[in-house]
N, C-alpha and C. Protein backbone atom coordinates (compact mmCIF):
# COMPACT_ATOMS: atom_id res chain seq x y z
N MET A 1 20.05 -66.65 3.32
CA MET A 1 19.78 -66.92 1.92
C MET A 1 19.92 -65.52 1.31
N ALA A 2 21.14 -65.39 -0.01
CA ALA A 2 21.08 -63.93 -0.38
C ALA A 2 20.25 -63.57 -0.88
N ASN A 3 20.10 -61.80 -0.79
CA ASN A 3 18.94 -61.40 -1.63
C ASN A 3 18.84 -61.11 -2.71
N PRO A 4 17.89 -61.59 -3.81
CA PRO A 4 18.10 -62.07 -5.25
C PRO A 4 18.25 -60.29 -5.67
N ARG A 5 17.39 -59.21 -4.82
CA ARG A 5 17.25 -57.98 -5.42
C ARG A 5 18.43 -57.00 -5.09
N ARG A 6 19.64 -57.78 -4.43
CA ARG A 6 20.42 -56.41 -4.32
C ARG A 6 21.64 -56.77 -5.75
N GLY A 7 21.65 -57.75 -6.16
CA GLY A 7 22.50 -58.46 -7.18
C GLY A 7 23.79 -57.26 -7.22
N ALA A 8 24.07 -56.42 -8.04
CA ALA A 8 25.31 -55.85 -7.82
C ALA A 8 25.42 -54.67 -7.45
N ARG A 9 24.23 -54.04 -6.49
CA ARG A 9 24.24 -53.23 -5.63
C ARG A 9 24.56 -53.61 -4.22
N GLY A 10 24.78 -54.99 -4.04
CA GLY A 10 25.22 -55.90 -3.05
C GLY A 10 27.00 -55.11 -2.82
N ALA A 11 27.70 -55.07 -4.10
CA ALA A 11 29.00 -54.95 -4.13
C ALA A 11 29.18 -53.39 -4.04
N ARG A 12 27.99 -52.66 -4.29
CA ARG A 12 28.22 -51.08 -4.11
C ARG A 12 27.89 -50.93 -2.87
N GLY A 13 27.40 -51.36 -2.13
CA GLY A 13 27.01 -51.39 -0.63
C GLY A 13 28.10 -51.63 0.38
N VAL A 14 28.97 -52.52 -0.19
CA VAL A 14 29.98 -52.54 0.37
C VAL A 14 31.19 -51.55 0.13
N ARG A 15 31.02 -51.15 -1.30
CA ARG A 15 32.11 -50.02 -1.44
C ARG A 15 31.75 -48.79 -0.97
N ALA A 16 30.59 -48.76 -0.78
CA ALA A 16 29.85 -47.20 0.09
C ALA A 16 30.59 -47.21 1.56
N ALA A 17 30.14 -48.45 2.14
CA ALA A 17 30.64 -48.37 3.31
C ALA A 17 32.00 -48.00 3.78
N GLY A 18 32.64 -49.03 2.60
CA GLY A 18 34.40 -48.51 2.82
C GLY A 18 34.51 -47.30 2.55
N ALA A 19 34.34 -46.45 1.53
CA ALA A 19 34.25 -44.95 1.40
C ALA A 19 33.91 -44.16 2.61
N ALA A 20 32.50 -44.31 3.49
CA ALA A 20 31.93 -43.75 4.13
C ALA A 20 33.32 -43.96 5.68
N LEU A 21 34.30 -45.37 5.55
CA LEU A 21 35.26 -45.62 6.65
C LEU A 21 36.26 -44.62 6.47
N CYS A 22 36.58 -44.43 5.07
CA CYS A 22 37.44 -43.83 4.21
C CYS A 22 37.55 -42.10 4.84
N VAL A 23 36.28 -41.49 4.30
CA VAL A 23 35.80 -40.44 4.87
C VAL A 23 36.05 -40.02 6.35
N ALA A 24 35.71 -41.11 7.40
CA ALA A 24 35.74 -40.72 8.83
C ALA A 24 36.98 -40.75 8.93
N ALA A 25 37.97 -41.82 8.27
CA ALA A 25 39.58 -41.87 8.90
C ALA A 25 39.99 -40.38 8.48
N LEU A 26 39.56 -40.07 6.82
CA LEU A 26 40.25 -38.54 6.62
C LEU A 26 39.53 -37.59 7.65
N THR A 27 38.66 -37.54 8.17
CA THR A 27 37.85 -36.57 9.00
C THR A 27 38.67 -36.63 10.19
N VAL A 28 39.21 -37.67 11.03
CA VAL A 28 39.59 -37.54 11.94
C VAL A 28 41.38 -37.15 11.82
N ALA A 29 41.84 -37.34 10.71
CA ALA A 29 43.07 -37.29 10.55
C ALA A 29 43.27 -35.69 9.88
N ALA A 30 42.30 -35.26 9.40
CA ALA A 30 41.78 -33.42 9.05
C ALA A 30 42.25 -32.71 10.59
N ALA A 31 41.12 -33.41 11.49
CA ALA A 31 41.01 -32.86 12.70
C ALA A 31 42.18 -32.50 13.73
N GLY A 32 43.12 -33.88 13.38
CA GLY A 32 44.19 -33.69 14.18
C GLY A 32 45.81 -33.09 13.37
N CYS A 33 45.43 -32.61 12.28
CA CYS A 33 46.34 -32.33 11.62
C CYS A 33 45.85 -30.83 10.71
N SER A 34 45.15 -30.20 11.42
CA SER A 34 44.74 -29.01 10.58
C SER A 34 45.98 -27.71 10.69
N ASP A 35 45.85 -27.29 9.56
CA ASP A 35 47.27 -26.11 9.91
C ASP A 35 46.86 -24.89 9.79
N ASP A 36 45.15 -24.78 9.46
CA ASP A 36 44.51 -23.14 9.54
C ASP A 36 44.34 -22.79 10.86
N GLY A 37 45.03 -23.51 11.92
CA GLY A 37 44.63 -22.46 13.56
C GLY A 37 43.24 -23.56 14.12
N ASP A 38 42.69 -24.22 13.04
CA ASP A 38 41.23 -24.63 13.81
C ASP A 38 41.62 -26.08 14.56
N SER A 39 40.87 -25.96 15.57
CA SER A 39 41.07 -26.95 16.63
C SER A 39 40.47 -28.29 16.05
N PRO A 40 40.64 -29.40 16.65
CA PRO A 40 40.02 -30.65 16.19
C PRO A 40 38.35 -30.45 16.24
N SER A 41 38.09 -30.08 17.19
CA SER A 41 36.46 -29.89 17.21
C SER A 41 36.00 -29.02 16.35
N GLY A 42 36.76 -28.03 15.60
CA GLY A 42 36.19 -27.36 14.79
C GLY A 42 36.64 -27.91 13.45
N ALA A 43 37.49 -28.50 13.27
CA ALA A 43 37.58 -29.54 11.65
C ALA A 43 36.55 -30.58 11.81
N ALA A 44 36.17 -31.22 12.93
CA ALA A 44 34.94 -32.17 13.08
C ALA A 44 33.52 -31.37 12.74
N SER A 45 33.76 -30.58 13.38
CA SER A 45 32.53 -29.42 12.78
C SER A 45 32.42 -29.18 11.84
N LYS A 46 33.02 -28.78 10.96
CA LYS A 46 32.89 -28.16 9.49
C LYS A 46 32.63 -29.73 8.56
N ALA A 47 33.22 -31.23 8.86
CA ALA A 47 33.08 -32.30 8.58
C ALA A 47 31.42 -32.82 8.69
N ALA A 48 31.23 -32.61 9.76
CA ALA A 48 29.21 -32.55 10.28
C ALA A 48 28.80 -31.65 9.39
N SER A 49 29.40 -30.43 9.05
CA SER A 49 28.49 -29.48 8.20
C SER A 49 28.31 -29.87 6.88
N ALA A 50 29.42 -30.21 6.43
CA ALA A 50 29.35 -30.97 5.01
C ALA A 50 28.44 -32.04 4.91
N ALA A 51 28.72 -33.09 5.70
CA ALA A 51 27.60 -34.01 6.15
C ALA A 51 26.28 -33.92 6.04
N SER A 52 25.89 -33.01 6.56
CA SER A 52 24.47 -32.43 7.01
C SER A 52 24.07 -31.85 5.44
N SER A 53 25.00 -31.14 4.73
CA SER A 53 24.58 -30.05 3.57
C SER A 53 24.13 -31.18 2.68
N ALA A 54 24.92 -32.33 2.49
CA ALA A 54 24.86 -33.56 1.62
C ALA A 54 23.70 -34.07 1.85
N ALA A 55 23.38 -34.19 2.80
CA ALA A 55 21.98 -34.79 3.05
C ALA A 55 21.02 -34.21 2.87
N SER A 56 20.61 -32.95 3.07
CA SER A 56 19.94 -31.62 2.68
C SER A 56 19.64 -31.82 1.27
N ARG A 57 20.92 -32.05 0.64
CA ARG A 57 20.89 -31.72 -0.83
C ARG A 57 20.06 -33.28 -1.46
N ALA A 58 20.27 -34.18 -0.76
CA ALA A 58 19.45 -35.53 -1.57
C ALA A 58 18.22 -35.38 -0.82
N SER A 59 17.89 -34.64 0.23
CA SER A 59 16.05 -34.51 0.56
C SER A 59 15.47 -33.76 -0.12
N ASP A 60 16.37 -32.42 -0.77
CA ASP A 60 15.73 -31.77 -1.74
C ASP A 60 15.32 -32.53 -3.17
N VAL A 61 16.01 -33.64 -3.43
CA VAL A 61 15.85 -34.03 -4.80
C VAL A 61 14.56 -34.59 -4.52
N VAL A 62 14.51 -35.60 -3.64
CA VAL A 62 13.62 -36.37 -2.99
C VAL A 62 12.03 -35.46 -3.12
N ALA A 63 12.00 -34.29 -2.40
CA ALA A 63 11.13 -33.25 -2.45
C ALA A 63 10.72 -32.51 -3.76
N SER A 64 11.84 -32.77 -4.53
CA SER A 64 11.31 -32.11 -6.13
C SER A 64 10.80 -33.15 -6.98
N ALA A 65 11.14 -34.24 -6.60
CA ALA A 65 10.48 -35.89 -7.39
C ALA A 65 9.26 -36.27 -6.90
N THR A 66 9.04 -35.47 -5.48
CA THR A 66 7.40 -35.74 -5.19
C THR A 66 6.81 -34.93 -5.38
N ALA A 67 7.14 -33.56 -5.66
CA ALA A 67 6.48 -32.19 -5.96
C ALA A 67 6.10 -32.87 -7.38
N GLU A 68 7.23 -32.83 -8.25
CA GLU A 68 6.67 -33.47 -9.64
C GLU A 68 5.91 -34.26 -10.04
N ALA A 69 5.69 -35.28 -9.21
CA ALA A 69 4.81 -36.45 -9.12
C ALA A 69 3.28 -35.93 -9.03
N GLN A 70 3.37 -34.86 -7.92
CA GLN A 70 2.25 -34.52 -7.56
C GLN A 70 1.16 -33.53 -8.81
N ARG A 71 1.99 -32.72 -9.28
CA ARG A 71 1.96 -32.19 -10.98
C ARG A 71 1.45 -32.78 -11.72
N LYS A 72 1.81 -34.25 -12.00
CA LYS A 72 1.23 -35.32 -12.83
C LYS A 72 -0.01 -35.72 -12.82
N PHE A 73 0.25 -36.17 -11.07
CA PHE A 73 -1.29 -36.31 -10.79
C PHE A 73 -2.46 -35.38 -11.04
N ASP A 74 -1.90 -34.13 -10.65
CA ASP A 74 -2.99 -32.84 -10.69
C ASP A 74 -3.90 -32.98 -12.01
N ASP A 75 -2.88 -32.94 -12.88
CA ASP A 75 -2.91 -33.08 -14.66
C ASP A 75 -4.38 -33.72 -15.15
N PHE A 76 -4.63 -35.21 -14.10
CA PHE A 76 -5.51 -36.16 -14.72
C PHE A 76 -6.86 -35.80 -13.78
N LYS A 77 -7.82 -35.44 -14.76
CA LYS A 77 -9.38 -35.43 -14.11
C LYS A 77 -9.95 -36.48 -14.25
N ASP A 78 -10.73 -36.65 -13.23
CA ASP A 78 -11.95 -38.15 -13.68
C ASP A 78 -10.87 -39.03 -13.52
N GLY A 79 -9.91 -39.46 -13.01
CA GLY A 79 -8.78 -40.56 -12.76
C GLY A 79 -9.86 -41.73 -11.63
N VAL A 80 -9.77 -42.87 -12.58
CA VAL A 80 -10.35 -43.86 -11.25
C VAL A 80 -8.84 -44.54 -10.63
N ASP A 81 -9.02 -44.87 -9.18
CA ASP A 81 -8.20 -45.72 -8.29
C ASP A 81 -7.59 -46.96 -9.35
N ALA A 82 -6.53 -47.33 -9.78
CA ALA A 82 -6.10 -48.19 -10.38
C ALA A 82 -4.77 -48.96 -9.71
N LYS A 83 -4.59 -48.85 -8.66
CA LYS A 83 -3.14 -49.05 -8.27
C LYS A 83 -3.19 -50.85 -7.72
N GLY A 84 -4.54 -51.40 -7.72
CA GLY A 84 -4.72 -52.73 -8.05
C GLY A 84 -4.26 -53.64 -9.38
N ASP A 85 -4.71 -52.62 -10.23
CA ASP A 85 -3.94 -52.96 -11.65
C ASP A 85 -2.74 -52.89 -12.38
N VAL A 86 -1.69 -52.50 -11.25
CA VAL A 86 -0.33 -52.60 -11.47
C VAL A 86 0.72 -53.70 -10.16
N LYS A 87 1.52 -53.96 -11.10
CA LYS A 87 2.13 -55.05 -10.55
C LYS A 87 3.75 -54.86 -11.04
N LEU A 88 4.55 -54.61 -9.97
CA LEU A 88 6.28 -54.51 -9.99
C LEU A 88 6.77 -55.50 -10.02
N GLY A 89 7.84 -56.13 -10.82
CA GLY A 89 8.61 -57.45 -10.87
C GLY A 89 9.81 -56.52 -10.10
N ASP A 90 11.26 -57.32 -10.06
CA ASP A 90 12.23 -56.99 -9.43
C ASP A 90 13.22 -56.03 -9.43
N VAL A 91 13.33 -55.20 -8.40
CA VAL A 91 14.09 -53.88 -8.54
C VAL A 91 15.68 -54.58 -8.99
N LYS A 92 16.21 -53.90 -10.16
CA LYS A 92 17.78 -54.31 -10.75
C LYS A 92 18.20 -53.02 -10.91
N SER A 93 19.96 -53.03 -10.98
CA SER A 93 20.72 -52.18 -11.05
C SER A 93 20.67 -52.17 -12.53
N ASP A 94 20.76 -50.96 -13.27
CA ASP A 94 21.10 -50.71 -14.69
C ASP A 94 21.86 -49.53 -14.76
N GLY A 95 23.31 -49.75 -15.02
CA GLY A 95 24.29 -48.68 -15.10
C GLY A 95 24.28 -48.26 -13.69
N ASP A 96 23.94 -46.97 -13.84
CA ASP A 96 23.86 -46.15 -12.60
C ASP A 96 22.64 -45.56 -11.79
N ARG A 97 21.50 -46.45 -12.47
CA ARG A 97 20.27 -46.19 -12.10
C ARG A 97 19.72 -47.55 -11.43
N THR A 98 18.58 -47.22 -10.74
CA THR A 98 17.85 -48.33 -10.25
C THR A 98 16.47 -48.74 -11.04
N THR A 99 16.29 -49.99 -11.37
CA THR A 99 14.87 -49.94 -12.56
C THR A 99 14.25 -51.13 -11.77
N VAL A 100 12.78 -50.98 -12.38
CA VAL A 100 11.80 -51.91 -11.67
C VAL A 100 10.90 -52.22 -12.97
N PRO A 101 10.34 -53.11 -13.36
CA PRO A 101 9.59 -53.86 -14.32
C PRO A 101 8.21 -53.58 -13.80
N VAL A 102 7.29 -52.83 -14.82
CA VAL A 102 6.07 -52.35 -14.37
C VAL A 102 5.26 -53.00 -15.26
N THR A 103 4.12 -53.74 -14.78
CA THR A 103 3.05 -54.19 -15.77
C THR A 103 1.55 -53.90 -15.14
N VAL A 104 0.90 -53.30 -16.35
CA VAL A 104 -0.48 -52.84 -16.38
C VAL A 104 -1.43 -53.75 -16.58
N SER A 105 -2.52 -54.49 -15.98
CA SER A 105 -3.51 -54.72 -16.51
C SER A 105 -4.83 -54.25 -16.68
N ASN A 106 -5.45 -54.29 -17.96
CA ASN A 106 -6.47 -53.14 -18.20
C ASN A 106 -8.02 -54.52 -17.87
N GLY A 107 -8.51 -54.53 -16.90
CA GLY A 107 -9.88 -55.18 -16.65
C GLY A 107 -10.83 -54.60 -17.23
N ALA A 108 -11.06 -53.44 -17.99
CA ALA A 108 -11.76 -52.93 -18.67
C ALA A 108 -12.19 -53.54 -19.73
N SER A 109 -13.23 -53.30 -20.54
CA SER A 109 -13.71 -53.75 -21.69
C SER A 109 -13.37 -52.83 -23.08
N ASP A 110 -12.69 -51.91 -22.62
CA ASP A 110 -11.75 -50.63 -23.66
C ASP A 110 -10.95 -49.89 -23.31
N THR A 111 -9.96 -49.55 -24.39
CA THR A 111 -8.51 -49.28 -24.09
C THR A 111 -8.63 -48.06 -23.15
N LYS A 112 -7.90 -48.02 -22.07
CA LYS A 112 -7.21 -47.14 -20.97
C LYS A 112 -5.81 -46.57 -20.97
N SER A 113 -5.62 -45.42 -20.63
CA SER A 113 -4.40 -45.05 -20.41
C SER A 113 -3.94 -45.15 -18.69
N TYR A 114 -2.87 -45.29 -18.21
CA TYR A 114 -2.69 -45.11 -16.70
C TYR A 114 -1.54 -44.11 -16.36
N VAL A 115 -1.39 -43.57 -14.81
CA VAL A 115 -0.44 -42.89 -14.35
C VAL A 115 -0.24 -43.74 -13.53
N VAL A 116 1.04 -43.93 -13.30
CA VAL A 116 1.77 -44.60 -11.99
C VAL A 116 2.70 -44.03 -11.59
N GLU A 117 2.79 -43.52 -10.04
CA GLU A 117 3.64 -43.28 -9.48
C GLU A 117 4.36 -44.33 -8.55
N VAL A 118 5.77 -44.69 -8.74
CA VAL A 118 6.50 -45.63 -8.36
C VAL A 118 7.17 -45.39 -7.16
N ASP A 119 7.57 -45.79 -5.97
CA ASP A 119 8.47 -44.90 -5.24
C ASP A 119 9.53 -46.07 -4.91
N PHE A 120 10.71 -45.25 -4.82
CA PHE A 120 12.07 -46.18 -4.32
C PHE A 120 12.59 -46.06 -3.15
N LYS A 121 12.31 -46.79 -2.02
CA LYS A 121 12.87 -46.99 -0.85
C LYS A 121 14.22 -47.47 -0.18
N ASN A 122 15.13 -47.09 0.58
CA ASN A 122 16.08 -47.47 0.94
C ASN A 122 15.78 -48.75 1.99
N GLY A 123 16.72 -49.48 2.45
CA GLY A 123 16.71 -50.20 3.69
C GLY A 123 16.06 -50.23 5.03
N ASP A 124 16.02 -48.73 5.09
CA ASP A 124 15.68 -48.18 6.36
C ASP A 124 14.32 -47.84 5.87
N ASP A 125 13.50 -47.98 5.14
CA ASP A 125 12.25 -47.75 4.29
C ASP A 125 12.19 -46.15 4.44
N LYS A 126 13.10 -45.84 3.65
CA LYS A 126 13.33 -44.30 3.59
C LYS A 126 12.82 -43.79 2.27
N LEU A 127 11.88 -43.01 1.85
CA LEU A 127 11.85 -42.83 0.22
C LEU A 127 13.09 -42.04 -0.09
N VAL A 128 13.54 -42.64 -1.11
CA VAL A 128 14.62 -42.19 -1.41
C VAL A 128 14.51 -41.55 -3.18
N ASP A 129 13.55 -41.78 -3.76
CA ASP A 129 13.24 -41.45 -5.34
C ASP A 129 11.61 -41.77 -5.37
N THR A 130 11.42 -40.82 -6.42
CA THR A 130 10.00 -41.37 -6.92
C THR A 130 10.04 -40.92 -8.33
N VAL A 131 9.18 -41.82 -8.85
CA VAL A 131 9.01 -41.40 -10.59
C VAL A 131 7.54 -41.77 -11.23
N VAL A 132 7.36 -40.96 -12.07
CA VAL A 132 5.93 -40.97 -12.66
C VAL A 132 5.86 -41.70 -13.80
N LEU A 133 4.87 -42.62 -14.32
CA LEU A 133 5.16 -43.14 -15.62
C LEU A 133 3.65 -43.08 -16.01
N ASN A 134 3.64 -42.60 -17.45
CA ASN A 134 2.48 -42.94 -18.02
C ASN A 134 2.35 -44.03 -19.11
N VAL A 135 1.39 -45.09 -19.05
CA VAL A 135 1.53 -46.00 -19.53
C VAL A 135 0.29 -46.10 -20.30
N SER A 136 0.25 -45.98 -21.68
CA SER A 136 -0.88 -45.27 -22.64
C SER A 136 -1.31 -46.53 -23.17
N ASP A 137 -2.76 -46.28 -23.81
CA ASP A 137 -3.57 -47.34 -24.85
C ASP A 137 -3.11 -48.63 -24.41
N VAL A 138 -3.75 -49.01 -23.16
CA VAL A 138 -3.66 -50.75 -22.34
C VAL A 138 -4.67 -51.18 -23.18
N LYS A 139 -5.08 -51.82 -24.07
CA LYS A 139 -6.52 -52.67 -24.86
C LYS A 139 -6.93 -53.15 -23.98
N GLY A 140 -8.44 -52.91 -23.74
CA GLY A 140 -9.41 -53.77 -22.68
C GLY A 140 -8.84 -55.09 -22.17
N GLY A 141 -8.74 -55.42 -21.58
CA GLY A 141 -8.77 -57.26 -21.11
C GLY A 141 -7.18 -57.56 -21.32
N GLY A 142 -6.53 -56.43 -21.73
CA GLY A 142 -4.76 -56.66 -21.88
C GLY A 142 -4.16 -56.01 -20.87
N SER A 143 -2.61 -55.88 -21.33
CA SER A 143 -2.02 -55.60 -20.19
C SER A 143 -0.54 -54.92 -21.30
N LYS A 144 0.03 -53.97 -20.07
CA LYS A 144 1.24 -53.39 -21.12
C LYS A 144 2.56 -53.39 -20.06
N ASP A 145 4.01 -53.27 -20.66
CA ASP A 145 4.98 -53.81 -19.82
C ASP A 145 5.38 -52.39 -19.59
N ALA A 146 5.85 -51.99 -19.07
CA ALA A 146 6.75 -50.36 -18.37
C ALA A 146 7.92 -50.46 -17.74
N THR A 147 8.76 -49.62 -17.77
CA THR A 147 9.97 -50.04 -16.77
C THR A 147 10.09 -48.42 -15.87
N ALA A 148 10.06 -48.40 -14.74
CA ALA A 148 10.40 -47.55 -13.64
C ALA A 148 11.96 -47.57 -13.40
N ARG A 149 12.31 -45.78 -13.79
CA ARG A 149 13.95 -45.66 -13.93
C ARG A 149 14.20 -44.55 -12.78
N SER A 150 14.75 -45.01 -11.68
CA SER A 150 15.07 -44.00 -10.87
C SER A 150 15.56 -42.48 -11.62
N THR A 151 15.63 -41.58 -10.78
CA THR A 151 16.29 -40.42 -11.24
C THR A 151 17.50 -40.00 -10.84
N HIS A 152 17.97 -40.82 -10.27
CA HIS A 152 19.39 -40.59 -9.80
C HIS A 152 19.81 -41.55 -9.43
N SER A 153 21.26 -41.76 -9.24
CA SER A 153 21.95 -43.16 -8.55
C SER A 153 21.58 -43.70 -6.71
N LEU A 154 20.92 -44.67 -7.11
CA LEU A 154 20.56 -44.86 -5.63
C LEU A 154 21.74 -46.60 -4.81
N ASP A 155 22.01 -46.12 -3.92
CA ASP A 155 23.10 -47.20 -3.25
C ASP A 155 22.14 -47.98 -2.18
N GLY A 156 22.79 -49.05 -1.96
CA GLY A 156 22.29 -49.89 -1.13
C GLY A 156 21.32 -50.98 -1.13
N ASP A 157 20.49 -51.41 -0.43
CA ASP A 157 19.07 -52.21 -0.38
C ASP A 157 17.86 -51.44 -0.89
N ILE A 158 17.39 -51.44 -2.09
CA ILE A 158 16.09 -50.50 -2.39
C ILE A 158 15.05 -51.46 -2.91
N THR A 159 14.40 -50.95 -2.59
CA THR A 159 12.76 -52.00 -2.81
C THR A 159 11.98 -50.32 -3.52
N ALA A 160 11.19 -50.93 -4.34
CA ALA A 160 10.11 -50.44 -4.79
C ALA A 160 8.87 -50.69 -4.67
N GLY A 161 7.95 -49.51 -4.68
CA GLY A 161 6.43 -49.71 -4.61
C GLY A 161 5.61 -48.88 -5.14
N VAL A 162 4.21 -49.45 -5.72
CA VAL A 162 3.68 -48.53 -6.21
C VAL A 162 2.87 -47.53 -5.07
N SER A 163 2.67 -46.25 -4.91
CA SER A 163 2.24 -45.62 -4.04
C SER A 163 0.78 -45.48 -4.71
N ARG A 164 0.49 -44.92 -6.06
CA ARG A 164 -0.67 -44.77 -6.48
C ARG A 164 -0.73 -44.81 -7.96
N ALA A 165 -2.04 -44.70 -8.66
CA ALA A 165 -2.21 -45.04 -10.13
C ALA A 165 -3.67 -44.76 -10.06
N LEU A 166 -3.66 -44.35 -11.53
CA LEU A 166 -4.90 -43.76 -11.82
C LEU A 166 -5.05 -44.11 -13.30
N ARG A 167 -6.60 -44.74 -13.59
CA ARG A 167 -6.83 -45.14 -15.23
C ARG A 167 -7.87 -43.96 -15.43
N HIS A 168 -7.62 -43.88 -16.72
CA HIS A 168 -8.45 -42.92 -17.30
C HIS A 168 -8.58 -43.14 -18.93
């Protein structure tokens, strides 16, 4: 059965795989046709270095988003764990970003506000993005909808989960 969460990202995954094959082919071709005196192994080493650099930049983006999420949570004093009050819908593609609907249900009798951290993970269960939402003024006994939107383009089979939520 097809994965209903993949939507347009299924085609994007195929394009990404095709692009990776093209890069590999060009790397091999460049290694065999280097005109600057580099050996094939030198050209392959440069390609590996470029790939490593790109992976490092992606890791930096996730680290920055995670640090920003921590700062936002640090701003809230005396918050109560409210992870159980938050439910996520289906992950979707929205242009070049990934989104997931968020519903916060307030079981208290008075109006509360929430801060919610949503983690986006790839098919290997690796964290690829983190976003923090402020869901303000959720009436007692009621619920409020919001949307978590990735901070950058995410490819492949992406899932989302609530890593933490506070009510205040």
